[in-house]
C-alpha atoms as a PDB file:
ATOM      1  CA  MET A   1       1.812 103.550 -69.461  1.00  0.00           C
ATOM      2  CA  THR A   2       4.879 105.851 -69.189  1.00  0.00           C
ATOM      3  CA  PRO A   3       7.775 104.185 -67.415  1.00  0.00           C
ATOM      4  CA  PRO A   4       9.055 105.951 -64.365  1.00  0.00           C
ATOM      5  CA  PRO A   5      12.245 107.977 -64.536  1.00  0.00           C
ATOM      6  CA  ARG A   6      15.378 106.049 -63.637  1.00  0.00           C
ATOM      7  CA  LEU A   7      18.138 106.721 -61.139  1.00  0.00           C
ATOM      8  CA  LEU A   8      21.363 104.799 -61.538  1.00  0.00           C
ATOM      9  CA  VAL A   9      23.883 104.358 -58.670  1.00  0.00           C
ATOM     10  CA  LEU A  10      27.260 103.046 -59.281  1.00  0.00           C
ATOM     11  CA  ARG A  11      28.765 101.189 -56.328  1.00  0.00           C
ATOM     12  CA  ALA A  12      30.365  98.011 -57.809  1.00  0.00           C
ATOM     13  CA  LEU A  13      32.259  97.040 -54.662  1.00  0.00           C
ATOM     14  CA  GLY A  14      31.826  94.532 -51.801  1.00  0.00           C
ATOM     15  CA  LEU A  15      29.404  93.858 -48.954  1.00  0.00           C
ATOM     16  CA  GLY A  16      30.925  96.316 -46.509  1.00  0.00           C
ATOM     17  CA  ASP A  17      30.938  98.972 -49.192  1.00  0.00           C
ATOM     18  CA  LEU A  18      27.291  98.521 -49.896  1.00  0.00           C
ATOM     19  CA  LEU A  19      26.284  98.561 -46.265  1.00  0.00           C
ATOM     20  CA  ALA A  20      28.379 101.722 -45.687  1.00  0.00           C
ATOM     21  CA  GLY A  21      26.514 103.268 -48.639  1.00  0.00           C
ATOM     22  CA  VAL A  22      23.052 102.414 -47.262  1.00  0.00           C
ATOM     23  CA  PRO A  23      22.533 105.949 -45.808  1.00  0.00           C
ATOM     24  CA  ALA A  24      23.144 107.597 -49.086  1.00  0.00           C
ATOM     25  CA  LEU A  25      20.908 105.110 -50.964  1.00  0.00           C
ATOM     26  CA  ARG A  26      18.129 105.833 -48.610  1.00  0.00           C
ATOM     27  CA  ALA A  27      18.562 109.472 -48.987  1.00  0.00           C
ATOM     28  CA  LEU A  28      18.313 109.123 -52.737  1.00  0.00           C
ATOM     29  CA  ARG A  29      15.116 107.045 -52.382  1.00  0.00           C
ATOM     30  CA  ARG A  30      13.606 109.722 -50.144  1.00  0.00           C
ATOM     31  CA  ALA A  31      14.574 112.536 -52.460  1.00  0.00           C
ATOM     32  CA  HIS A  32      13.272 110.713 -55.634  1.00  0.00           C
ATOM     33  CA  PRO A  33      10.374 108.447 -54.559  1.00  0.00           C
ATOM     34  CA  GLY A  34       8.976 108.298 -58.132  1.00  0.00           C
ATOM     35  CA  HIS A  35      12.254 107.050 -59.747  1.00  0.00           C
ATOM     36  CA  GLU A  36      13.267 103.472 -60.303  1.00  0.00           C
ATOM     37  CA  THR A  37      16.423 103.091 -58.440  1.00  0.00           C
ATOM     38  CA  VAL A  38      19.006 100.848 -60.181  1.00  0.00           C
ATOM     39  CA  LEU A  39      22.215  99.857 -58.300  1.00  0.00           C
ATOM     40  CA  ALA A  40      25.142  98.788 -60.377  1.00  0.00           C
ATOM     41  CA  ALA A  41      26.913  96.312 -57.999  1.00  0.00           C
ATOM     42  CA  PRO A  42      28.186  92.728 -58.056  1.00  0.00           C
ATOM     43  CA  ALA A  43      25.283  90.214 -58.754  1.00  0.00           C
ATOM     44  CA  GLU A  44      25.836  88.326 -55.452  1.00  0.00           C
ATOM     45  CA  LEU A  45      24.817  91.468 -53.501  1.00  0.00           C
ATOM     46  CA  GLU A  46      21.271  91.421 -54.885  1.00  0.00           C
ATOM     47  CA  PRO A  47      19.727  90.114 -51.653  1.00  0.00           C
ATOM     48  CA  VAL A  48      21.554  92.753 -49.717  1.00  0.00           C
ATOM     49  CA  ALA A  49      20.452  95.511 -51.971  1.00  0.00           C
ATOM     50  CA  ALA A  50      16.743  94.238 -51.661  1.00  0.00           C
ATOM     51  CA  VAL A  51      16.661  94.321 -47.797  1.00  0.00           C
ATOM     52  CA  THR A  52      17.902  98.090 -47.731  1.00  0.00           C
ATOM     53  CA  GLY A  53      14.533  99.136 -49.005  1.00  0.00           C
ATOM     54  CA  ALA A  54      16.195 101.690 -51.254  1.00  0.00           C
ATOM     55  CA  VAL A  55      16.842  99.800 -54.446  1.00  0.00           C
ATOM     56  CA  ASP A  56      14.370  98.459 -57.042  1.00  0.00           C
ATOM     57  CA  ARG A  57      16.722  96.569 -59.281  1.00  0.00           C
ATOM     58  CA  LEU A  58      20.384  95.474 -59.248  1.00  0.00           C
ATOM     59  CA  LEU A  59      22.415  95.807 -62.510  1.00  0.00           C
ATOM     60  CA  PRO A  60      25.265  93.291 -62.238  1.00  0.00           C
ATOM     61  CA  ALA A  61      28.618  95.179 -62.495  1.00  0.00           C
ATOM     62  CA  SER A  62      32.040  94.338 -61.056  1.00  0.00           C
ATOM     63  CA  ALA A  63      35.736  94.515 -61.692  1.00  0.00           C
ATOM     64  CA  PRO A  64      38.761  92.832 -60.163  1.00  0.00           C
ATOM     65  CA  GLY A  65      39.977  94.259 -56.815  1.00  0.00           C
ATOM     66  CA  ARG A  66      38.258  97.620 -56.145  1.00  0.00           C
ATOM     67  CA  GLY A  67      38.521  98.650 -59.736  1.00  0.00           C
ATOM     68  CA  VAL A  68      35.935 100.364 -61.993  1.00  0.00           C
ATOM     69  CA  PRO A  69      33.859  98.091 -64.343  1.00  0.00           C
ATOM     70  CA  VAL A  70      34.788  98.323 -68.035  1.00  0.00           C
ATOM     71  CA  ALA A  71      31.232  98.938 -69.055  1.00  0.00           C
ATOM     72  CA  LEU A  72      27.645  98.872 -67.767  1.00  0.00           C
ATOM     73  CA  ASP A  73      24.941  96.757 -69.374  1.00  0.00           C
ATOM     74  CA  TRP A  74      22.516  99.604 -69.518  1.00  0.00           C
ATOM     75  CA  THR A  75      19.516  99.476 -71.931  1.00  0.00           C
ATOM     76  CA  GLY A  76      16.966 101.949 -73.017  1.00  0.00           C
ATOM     77  CA  PRO A  77      17.094 105.738 -72.697  1.00  0.00           C
ATOM     78  CA  PRO A  78      19.910 107.416 -70.623  1.00  0.00           C
ATOM     79  CA  PRO A  79      19.370 107.562 -66.871  1.00  0.00           C
ATOM     80  CA  ASP A  80      17.600 110.620 -65.690  1.00  0.00           C
ATOM     81  CA  ILE A  81      20.014 110.871 -62.792  1.00  0.00           C
ATOM     82  CA  ALA A  82      23.262 109.029 -62.332  1.00  0.00           C
ATOM     83  CA  VAL A  83      25.145 109.015 -59.009  1.00  0.00           C
ATOM     84  CA  ASP A  84      28.675 107.987 -58.495  1.00  0.00           C
ATOM     85  CA  LEU A  85      29.087 106.303 -55.161  1.00  0.00           C
ATOM     86  CA  HIS A  86      32.029 104.248 -56.333  1.00  0.00           C
ATOM     87  CA  GLY A  87      34.967 106.708 -56.146  1.00  0.00           C
ATOM     88  CA  ASN A  88      36.418 110.132 -56.899  1.00  0.00           C
ATOM     89  CA  GLY A  89      36.929 109.658 -60.586  1.00  0.00           C
ATOM     90  CA  PRO A  90      37.830 110.068 -63.259  1.00  0.00           C
ATOM     91  CA  PRO A  91      37.293 106.359 -64.283  1.00  0.00           C
ATOM     92  CA  SER A  92      34.053 105.968 -62.389  1.00  0.00           C
ATOM     93  CA  HIS A  93      32.820 109.322 -63.452  1.00  0.00           C
ATOM     94  CA  ARG A  94      33.501 108.710 -67.049  1.00  0.00           C
ATOM     95  CA  LEU A  95      31.807 105.256 -66.967  1.00  0.00           C
ATOM     96  CA  LEU A  96      28.592 107.031 -65.970  1.00  0.00           C
ATOM     97  CA  MET A  97      29.056 109.963 -68.331  1.00  0.00           C
ATOM     98  CA  GLU A  98      29.228 107.463 -71.222  1.00  0.00           C
ATOM     99  CA  LEU A  99      25.545 106.694 -70.592  1.00  0.00           C
ATOM    100  CA  ARG A 100      24.725 110.467 -71.097  1.00  0.00           C
ATOM    101  CA  PRO A 101      22.565 110.892 -67.935  1.00  0.00           C
ATOM    102  CA  LEU A 102      20.464 114.031 -67.847  1.00  0.00           C
ATOM    103  CA  LYS A 103      22.134 114.769 -64.409  1.00  0.00           C
ATOM    104  CA  LEU A 104      25.328 113.445 -62.798  1.00  0.00           C
ATOM    105  CA  LEU A 105      25.959 113.626 -59.042  1.00  0.00           C
ATOM    106  CA  ALA A 106      29.741 113.140 -58.424  1.00  0.00           C
ATOM    107  CA  PHE A 107      32.667 114.560 -56.654  1.00  0.00           C
ATOM    108  CA  ALA A 108      34.657 117.274 -58.446  1.00  0.00           C
ATOM    109  CA  HIS A 109      37.859 116.278 -60.217  1.00  0.00           C
ATOM    110  CA  PRO A 110      40.319 118.527 -61.900  1.00  0.00           C
ATOM    111  CA  ASP A 111      40.434 116.314 -65.027  1.00  0.00           C
ATOM    112  CA  LEU A 112      36.735 116.748 -65.438  1.00  0.00           C
ATOM    113  CA  PRO A 113      35.912 120.375 -65.015  1.00  0.00           C
ATOM    114  CA  GLY A 114      32.344 119.939 -66.164  1.00  0.00           C
ATOM    115  CA  ILE A 115      31.334 118.254 -62.841  1.00  0.00           C
ATOM    116  CA  ASP A 116      30.233 120.769 -60.239  1.00  0.00           C
ATOM    117  CA  GLY A 117      30.397 118.399 -57.264  1.00  0.00           C
ATOM    118  CA  PRO A 118      32.066 119.039 -53.863  1.00  0.00           C
ATOM    119  CA  PRO A 119      35.730 118.269 -53.213  1.00  0.00           C
ATOM    120  CA  TRP A 120      36.895 114.848 -52.249  1.00  0.00           C
ATOM    121  CA  TYR A 121      38.601 114.388 -48.766  1.00  0.00           C
ATOM    122  CA  ALA A 122      40.751 111.238 -48.473  1.00  0.00           C
ATOM    123  CA  GLU A 123      40.580 111.060 -44.676  1.00  0.00           C
ATOM    124  CA  GLU A 124      36.753 111.279 -44.334  1.00  0.00           C
ATOM    125  CA  HIS A 125      34.657 108.319 -43.052  1.00  0.00           C
ATOM    126  CA  GLU A 126      33.004 106.391 -45.683  1.00  0.00           C
ATOM    127  CA  ARG A 127      29.547 106.884 -44.603  1.00  0.00           C
ATOM    128  CA  ASP A 128      29.982 110.611 -44.091  1.00  0.00           C
ATOM    129  CA  ARG A 129      31.660 111.031 -47.484  1.00  0.00           C
ATOM    130  CA  TRP A 130      28.608 109.993 -49.549  1.00  0.00           C
ATOM    131  CA  CYS A 131      26.095 111.709 -47.391  1.00  0.00           C
ATOM    132  CA  ARG A 132      28.165 114.937 -47.797  1.00  0.00           C
ATOM    133  CA  LEU A 133      28.195 114.453 -51.554  1.00  0.00           C
ATOM    134  CA  LEU A 134      24.323 114.258 -51.635  1.00  0.00           C
ATOM    135  CA  ARG A 135      23.882 117.181 -49.250  1.00  0.00           C
ATOM    136  CA  ALA A 136      26.045 119.313 -51.693  1.00  0.00           C
ATOM    137  CA  TYR A 137      23.311 118.619 -54.294  1.00  0.00           C
ATOM    138  CA  GLY A 138      20.522 119.688 -51.821  1.00  0.00           C
ATOM    139  CA  ILE A 139      19.624 116.071 -50.715  1.00  0.00           C
ATOM    140  CA  ASP A 140      19.358 115.614 -46.912  1.00  0.00           C
ATOM    141  CA  ALA A 141      21.218 112.453 -45.876  1.00  0.00           C
ATOM    142  CA  ASP A 142      21.840 110.958 -42.491  1.00  0.00           C
ATOM    143  CA  PRO A 143      25.072 108.794 -41.907  1.00  0.00           C
ATOM    144  CA  ALA A 144      23.315 107.051 -38.985  1.00  0.00           C
ATOM    145  CA  ASP A 145      20.580 105.648 -41.242  1.00  0.00           C
ATOM    146  CA  LEU A 146      22.122 102.183 -41.665  1.00  0.00           C
ATOM    147  CA  ARG A 147      20.099  99.705 -39.859  1.00  0.00           C
ATOM    148  CA  LEU A 148      18.656  96.731 -41.632  1.00  0.00           C
ATOM    149  CA  PRO A 149      15.365  94.959 -40.859  1.00  0.00           C
ATOM    150  CA  ARG A 150      15.612  91.786 -38.765  1.00  0.00           C
ATOM    151  CA  PRO A 151      16.041  88.704 -40.865  1.00  0.00           C
ATOM    152  CA  SER A 152      13.032  86.410 -41.169  1.00  0.00           C
ATOM    153  CA  THR A 153      15.384  83.389 -41.356  1.00  0.00           C
ATOM    154  CA  ALA A 154      16.268  81.543 -38.097  1.00  0.00           C
ATOM    155  CA  SER A 155      19.948  81.785 -37.071  1.00  0.00           C
ATOM    156  CA  PRO A 156      21.899  78.576 -37.501  1.00  0.00           C
ATOM    157  CA  ALA A 157      23.672  79.252 -34.156  1.00  0.00           C
ATOM    158  CA  PRO A 158      21.664  81.717 -31.967  1.00  0.00           C
ATOM    159  CA  GLY A 159      23.684  83.340 -29.232  1.00  0.00           C
ATOM    160  CA  ALA A 160      27.112  82.185 -30.569  1.00  0.00           C
ATOM    161  CA  VAL A 161      30.298  84.141 -30.785  1.00  0.00           C
ATOM    162  CA  VAL A 162      30.957  84.538 -34.493  1.00  0.00           C
ATOM    163  CA  LEU A 163      34.553  84.621 -35.684  1.00  0.00           C
ATOM    164  CA  HIS A 164      35.366  85.734 -39.118  1.00  0.00           C
ATOM    165  CA  PRO A 165      39.115  85.503 -40.023  1.00  0.00           C
ATOM    166  CA  GLY A 166      38.948  86.483 -43.643  1.00  0.00           C
ATOM    167  CA  ALA A 167      39.281  89.936 -45.320  1.00  0.00           C
ATOM    168  CA  GLY A 168      39.713  91.189 -48.702  1.00  0.00           C
ATOM    169  CA  SER A 169      43.470  91.434 -48.569  1.00  0.00           C
ATOM    170  CA  PRO A 170      46.292  89.702 -46.323  1.00  0.00           C
ATOM    171  CA  ALA A 171      47.102  93.119 -44.801  1.00  0.00           C
ATOM    172  CA  ARG A 172      43.697  92.991 -42.928  1.00  0.00           C
ATOM    173  CA  ARG A 173      43.812  89.395 -41.890  1.00  0.00           C
ATOM    174  CA  TRP A 174      44.658  88.805 -38.189  1.00  0.00           C
ATOM    175  CA  PRO A 175      46.622  85.499 -37.725  1.00  0.00           C
ATOM    176  CA  VAL A 176      44.593  82.301 -37.515  1.00  0.00           C
ATOM    177  CA  GLU A 177      46.388  81.248 -34.439  1.00  0.00           C
ATOM    178  CA  ARG A 178      45.269  84.370 -32.572  1.00  0.00           C
ATOM    179  CA  TYR A 179      41.667  83.760 -33.540  1.00  0.00           C
ATOM    180  CA  ALA A 180      42.091  80.272 -32.284  1.00  0.00           C
ATOM    181  CA  ALA A 181      43.507  81.456 -28.913  1.00  0.00           C
ATOM    182  CA  VAL A 182      40.386  83.715 -28.547  1.00  0.00           C
ATOM    183  CA  ALA A 183      38.057  80.821 -29.454  1.00  0.00           C
ATOM    184  CA  THR A 184      39.689  78.530 -26.929  1.00  0.00           C
ATOM    185  CA  ASP A 185      39.298  80.994 -24.189  1.00  0.00           C
ATOM    186  CA  LEU A 186      35.685  81.727 -24.921  1.00  0.00           C
ATOM    187  CA  ARG A 187      34.641  78.077 -25.282  1.00  0.00           C
ATOM    188  CA  ALA A 188      36.354  77.412 -21.922  1.00  0.00           C
ATOM    189  CA  ARG A 189      33.813  79.862 -20.454  1.00  0.00           C
ATOM    190  CA  GLY A 190      30.867  77.868 -21.860  1.00  0.00           C
ATOM    191  CA  LEU A 191      30.208  80.086 -24.972  1.00  0.00           C
ATOM    192  CA  ARG A 192      29.488  78.540 -28.340  1.00  0.00           C
ATOM    193  CA  VAL A 193      32.003  79.745 -30.938  1.00  0.00           C
ATOM    194  CA  VAL A 194      31.404  79.499 -34.723  1.00  0.00           C
ATOM    195  CA  VAL A 195      33.537  80.490 -37.650  1.00  0.00           C
ATOM    196  CA  THR A 196      32.501  81.906 -41.002  1.00  0.00           C
ATOM    197  CA  GLY A 197      34.189  82.658 -44.246  1.00  0.00           C
ATOM    198  CA  GLY A 198      33.576  83.512 -47.861  1.00  0.00           C
ATOM    199  CA  ALA A 199      33.408  81.194 -50.788  1.00  0.00           C
ATOM    200  CA  ASP A 200      37.200  81.380 -51.334  1.00  0.00           C
ATOM    201  CA  GLU A 201      38.197  81.133 -47.757  1.00  0.00           C
ATOM    202  CA  GLY A 202      37.691  77.560 -47.106  1.00  0.00           C
ATOM    203  CA  ASP A 203      41.320  76.837 -46.134  1.00  0.00           C
ATOM    204  CA  LEU A 204      41.466  79.692 -43.717  1.00  0.00           C
ATOM    205  CA  VAL A 205      38.265  78.601 -42.019  1.00  0.00           C
ATOM    206  CA  ALA A 206      39.379  74.988 -41.875  1.00  0.00           C
ATOM    207  CA  ARG A 207      42.685  75.954 -40.233  1.00  0.00           C
ATOM    208  CA  LEU A 208      40.943  77.984 -37.582  1.00  0.00           C
ATOM    209  CA  ALA A 209      38.409  75.304 -36.929  1.00  0.00           C
ATOM    210  CA  LYS A 210      41.147  72.747 -36.474  1.00  0.00           C
ATOM    211  CA  GLN A 211      43.419  74.832 -34.273  1.00  0.00           C
ATOM    212  CA  ALA A 212      40.367  75.751 -31.998  1.00  0.00           C
ATOM    213  CA  GLY A 213      38.948  72.283 -32.012  1.00  0.00           C
ATOM    214  CA  LEU A 214      35.555  73.371 -33.330  1.00  0.00           C
ATOM    215  CA  PRO A 215      33.018  70.628 -34.296  1.00  0.00           C
ATOM    216  CA  ASP A 216      31.755  70.645 -37.857  1.00  0.00           C
ATOM    217  CA  THR A 217      28.398  72.004 -36.723  1.00  0.00           C
ATOM    218  CA  ASP A 218      30.025  75.217 -35.804  1.00  0.00           C
ATOM    219  CA  VAL A 219      31.999  75.710 -39.106  1.00  0.00           C
ATOM    220  CA  PHE A 220      30.240  77.907 -41.741  1.00  0.00           C
ATOM    221  CA  GLY A 221      32.774  78.000 -44.559  1.00  0.00           C
ATOM    222  CA  GLY A 222      32.144  78.354 -48.197  1.00  0.00           C
ATOM    223  CA  GLY A 223      30.095  81.528 -48.052  1.00  0.00           C
ATOM    224  CA  LEU A 224      26.675  81.387 -46.258  1.00  0.00           C
ATOM    225  CA  PRO A 225      23.776  82.505 -48.313  1.00  0.00           C
ATOM    226  CA  PHE A 226      23.142  86.236 -47.232  1.00  0.00           C
ATOM    227  CA  ASN A 227      19.795  85.492 -45.431  1.00  0.00           C
ATOM    228  CA  ARG A 228      21.507  82.851 -43.211  1.00  0.00           C
ATOM    229  CA  LEU A 229      24.593  84.976 -42.531  1.00  0.00           C
ATOM    230  CA  ALA A 230      22.413  87.989 -41.647  1.00  0.00           C
ATOM    231  CA  ALA A 231      20.396  85.771 -39.208  1.00  0.00           C
ATOM    232  CA  LEU A 232      23.636  84.452 -37.670  1.00  0.00           C
ATOM    233  CA  VAL A 233      25.001  87.887 -37.225  1.00  0.00           C
ATOM    234  CA  ALA A 234      21.720  89.405 -35.936  1.00  0.00           C
ATOM    235  CA  ASP A 235      21.419  86.783 -33.249  1.00  0.00           C
ATOM    236  CA  ALA A 236      25.094  86.554 -32.280  1.00  0.00           C
ATOM    237  CA  HIS A 237      26.476  87.181 -28.856  1.00  0.00           C
ATOM    238  CA  VAL A 238      29.340  89.176 -30.446  1.00  0.00           C
ATOM    239  CA  VAL A 239      30.979  89.309 -33.830  1.00  0.00           C
ATOM    240  CA  ILE A 240      34.828  89.341 -33.904  1.00  0.00           C
ATOM    241  CA  SER A 241      36.386  90.105 -37.280  1.00  0.00           C
ATOM    242  CA  GLY A 242      38.865  92.340 -39.151  1.00  0.00           C
ATOM    243  CA  ASP A 243      37.835  95.364 -41.112  1.00  0.00           C
ATOM    244  CA  THR A 244      35.597  93.593 -43.620  1.00  0.00           C
ATOM    245  CA  GLY A 245      31.928  93.149 -44.637  1.00  0.00           C
ATOM    246  CA  ILE A 246      30.668  91.164 -41.528  1.00  0.00           C
ATOM    247  CA  ALA A 247      31.721  93.903 -39.287  1.00  0.00           C
ATOM    248  CA  HIS A 248      29.444  96.313 -41.205  1.00  0.00           C
ATOM    249  CA  LEU A 249      26.611  93.638 -41.002  1.00  0.00           C
ATOM    250  CA  ALA A 250      26.987  93.553 -37.211  1.00  0.00           C
ATOM    251  CA  VAL A 251      26.566  97.335 -37.201  1.00  0.00           C
ATOM    252  CA  ALA A 252      23.577  97.072 -39.474  1.00  0.00           C
ATOM    253  CA  HIS A 253      21.889  94.739 -36.920  1.00  0.00           C
ATOM    254  CA  ALA A 254      23.123  96.515 -33.801  1.00  0.00           C
ATOM    255  CA  THR A 255      24.979  93.318 -32.688  1.00  0.00           C
ATOM    256  CA  ARG A 256      27.891  93.576 -30.451  1.00  0.00           C
ATOM    257  CA  SER A 257      31.162  93.556 -32.332  1.00  0.00           C
ATOM    258  CA  VAL A 258      34.979  93.766 -31.886  1.00  0.00           C
ATOM    259  CA  THR A 259      36.659  94.836 -35.104  1.00  0.00           C
ATOM    260  CA  LEU A 260      40.326  94.603 -35.608  1.00  0.00           C
ATOM    261  CA  PHE A 261      41.914  97.470 -37.675  1.00  0.00           C
ATOM    262  CA  GLY A 262      45.366  97.409 -39.163  1.00  0.00           C
ATOM    263  CA  PRO A 263      46.332  99.494 -42.228  1.00  0.00           C
ATOM    264  CA  VAL A 264      43.113 101.578 -42.275  1.00  0.00           C
ATOM    265  CA  PRO A 265      42.084 103.353 -39.180  1.00  0.00           C
ATOM    266  CA  PRO A 266      38.496 103.190 -37.831  1.00  0.00           C
ATOM    267  CA  SER A 267      38.167 106.950 -38.489  1.00  0.00           C
ATOM    268  CA  ARG A 268      37.662 105.935 -42.148  1.00  0.00           C
ATOM    269  CA  TRP A 269      35.766 102.711 -41.906  1.00  0.00           C
ATOM    270  CA  GLY A 270      34.868 102.097 -38.200  1.00  0.00           C
ATOM    271  CA  PRO A 271      31.568 101.535 -36.521  1.00  0.00           C
ATOM    272  CA  PRO A 272      29.511 104.478 -35.315  1.00  0.00           C
ATOM    273  CA  PRO A 273      29.678 105.756 -31.737  1.00  0.00           C
ATOM    274  CA  GLY A 274      27.686 103.581 -29.301  1.00  0.00           C
ATOM    275  CA  PRO A 275      27.912 100.807 -26.654  1.00  0.00           C
ATOM    276  CA  CYS A 276      27.661  97.966 -28.951  1.00  0.00           C
ATOM    277  CA  HIS A 277      30.988  98.175 -30.877  1.00  0.00           C
ATOM    278  CA  ARG A 278      34.724  98.197 -30.201  1.00  0.00           C
ATOM    279  CA  ALA A 279      37.258  99.184 -32.823  1.00  0.00           C
ATOM    280  CA  LEU A 280      40.782  98.028 -31.948  1.00  0.00           C
ATOM    281  CA  TRP A 281      43.588 100.011 -33.608  1.00  0.00           C
ATOM    282  CA  TYR A 282      47.138 100.985 -32.714  1.00  0.00           C
ATOM    283  CA  GLY A 283      48.188 102.597 -36.030  1.00  0.00           C
ATOM    284  CA  PRO A 284      50.093 103.898 -37.857  1.00  0.00           C
ATOM    285  CA  VAL A 285      48.209 103.911 -41.222  1.00  0.00           C
ATOM    286  CA  GLY A 286      49.597 101.294 -43.637  1.00  0.00           C
ATOM    287  CA  ASP A 287      49.021  99.627 -47.038  1.00  0.00           C
ATOM    288  CA  PRO A 288      45.563  98.066 -47.132  1.00  0.00           C
ATOM    289  CA  HIS A 289      46.622  95.968 -50.157  1.00  0.00           C
ATOM    290  CA  GLY A 290      49.776  94.494 -48.544  1.00  0.00           C
ATOM    291  CA  ARG A 291      50.637  90.802 -49.010  1.00  0.00           C
ATOM    292  CA  ARG A 292      51.081  90.089 -45.305  1.00  0.00           C
ATOM    293  CA  PRO A 293      49.297  91.160 -42.113  1.00  0.00           C
ATOM    294  CA  ASP A 294      49.937  94.897 -41.427  1.00  0.00           C
ATOM    295  CA  PRO A 295      52.311  95.631 -38.505  1.00  0.00           C
ATOM    296  CA  ALA A 296      49.594  97.694 -36.801  1.00  0.00           C
ATOM    297  CA  LEU A 297      47.122  94.740 -36.953  1.00  0.00           C
ATOM    298  CA  LEU A 298      49.840  92.435 -35.489  1.00  0.00           C
ATOM    299  CA  ARG A 299      50.106  94.727 -32.386  1.00  0.00           C
ATOM    300  CA  ILE A 300      46.571  93.612 -31.388  1.00  0.00           C
ATOM    301  CA  THR A 301      46.847  90.631 -29.124  1.00  0.00           C
ATOM    302  CA  PRO A 302      44.335  87.902 -28.153  1.00  0.00           C
ATOM    303  CA  GLU A 303      44.216  89.516 -24.595  1.00  0.00           C
ATOM    304  CA  ASP A 304      43.131  92.851 -26.180  1.00  0.00           C
ATOM    305  CA  VAL A 305      40.272  91.158 -28.062  1.00  0.00           C
ATOM    306  CA  LEU A 306      39.204  89.234 -24.973  1.00  0.00           C
ATOM    307  CA  ARG A 307      39.244  92.404 -22.805  1.00  0.00           C
ATOM    308  CA  ALA A 308      37.067  94.209 -25.466  1.00  0.00           C
ATOM    309  CA  VAL A 309      34.560  91.245 -25.376  1.00  0.00           C
ATOM    310  CA  ASP A 310      34.433  91.478 -21.546  1.00  0.00           C
ATOM    311  CA  GLU A 311      33.840  95.259 -21.418  1.00  0.00           C
ATOM    312  CA  PRO A 312      30.341  96.181 -20.195  1.00  0.00           C
ATOM    313  CA  PRO A 313      28.410  98.469 -22.426  1.00  0.00           C
ATOM    314  CA  GLY A 314      29.391 102.107 -22.541  1.00  0.00           C
ATOM    315  CA  THR A 315      33.087 101.470 -21.667  1.00  0.00           C
ATOM    316  CA  ARG A 316      36.026 102.201 -23.890  1.00  0.00           C
ATOM    317  CA  HIS A 317      38.923  99.860 -24.633  1.00  0.00           C
ATOM    318  CA  PRO A 318      41.964 101.369 -22.937  1.00  0.00           C
ATOM    319  CA  ARG A 319      44.532 100.351 -25.573  1.00  0.00           C
ATOM    320  CA  GLY A 320      42.690 100.198 -28.829  1.00  0.00           C
ATOM    321  CA  SER A 321      40.966 103.074 -30.554  1.00  0.00           C
ATOM    322  CA  THR A 322      37.275 103.113 -30.343  1.00  0.00           C
ATOM    323  CA  ALA A 323      36.771 106.566 -31.886  1.00  0.00           C
ATOM    324  CA  PRO A 324      35.207 105.997 -35.450  1.00  0.00           C
ATOM    325  CA  ARG A 325      35.434 109.528 -36.403  1.00  0.00           C
END
């Protein structure tokens, strides 16, 4: 039996990056339903890739920070199609070119004149960027096609307010004491408040739990398995976090969210328009890799966040930016 043609997609980044790439992945699936779609991404994202309905197999690939992997463990004939959803090149382009794909879909770069893709726009929203790339190659892609199916796992805290203080860099981490102030106010109203964190954020989660006086039953540190995290988010009252993966997960499940932006504006990574989501941002644009909380992030107060939580559907926060585009 002849094996199906293979389509390789490079997006060796984090949870939020993968979720922002779902519309492009689904567009590729629709355009090439007979291909085996292989996603080169970190191994821990395999369950996320599976629930998108657009990936057949995950090829483990990662690099420190937001770097490009040194190599891909690709076996067999070259990919029939390779798609660079990782960056604007040339390192990510060259990584795929080394596999000698029959066709490469990627943004144009002056150092690689053989690639006939569209230009890269730094200010573009992440979801729009990859859909525009595919449209340039004749593939219809809808940036709004980002919902995930409802998890089959039961939520460990249905109806709770979910606080997630962590983020990929200190520049995007709102101070713990401010999260604690928000938690204290919401708990005084009778709401259940839980805190989550990644595998390497145990100390951060513990500090917040202690300052907010949360019981152990409401502390989910150490990195919840994806199915439990998805269930927690899908059944949450509201998710409050910085610009990180759990905010994108709230969008994927149409769960109310308040997202705190600092160095990077919501026009690049924010939620789509709609009544469910509030994106708070004062600006100006800063360094997303900074070693301390960005000054723009620090302009957001606990009162700003509580006001955003209290707003009825369809309203706009008067002081923070809610415009994602």
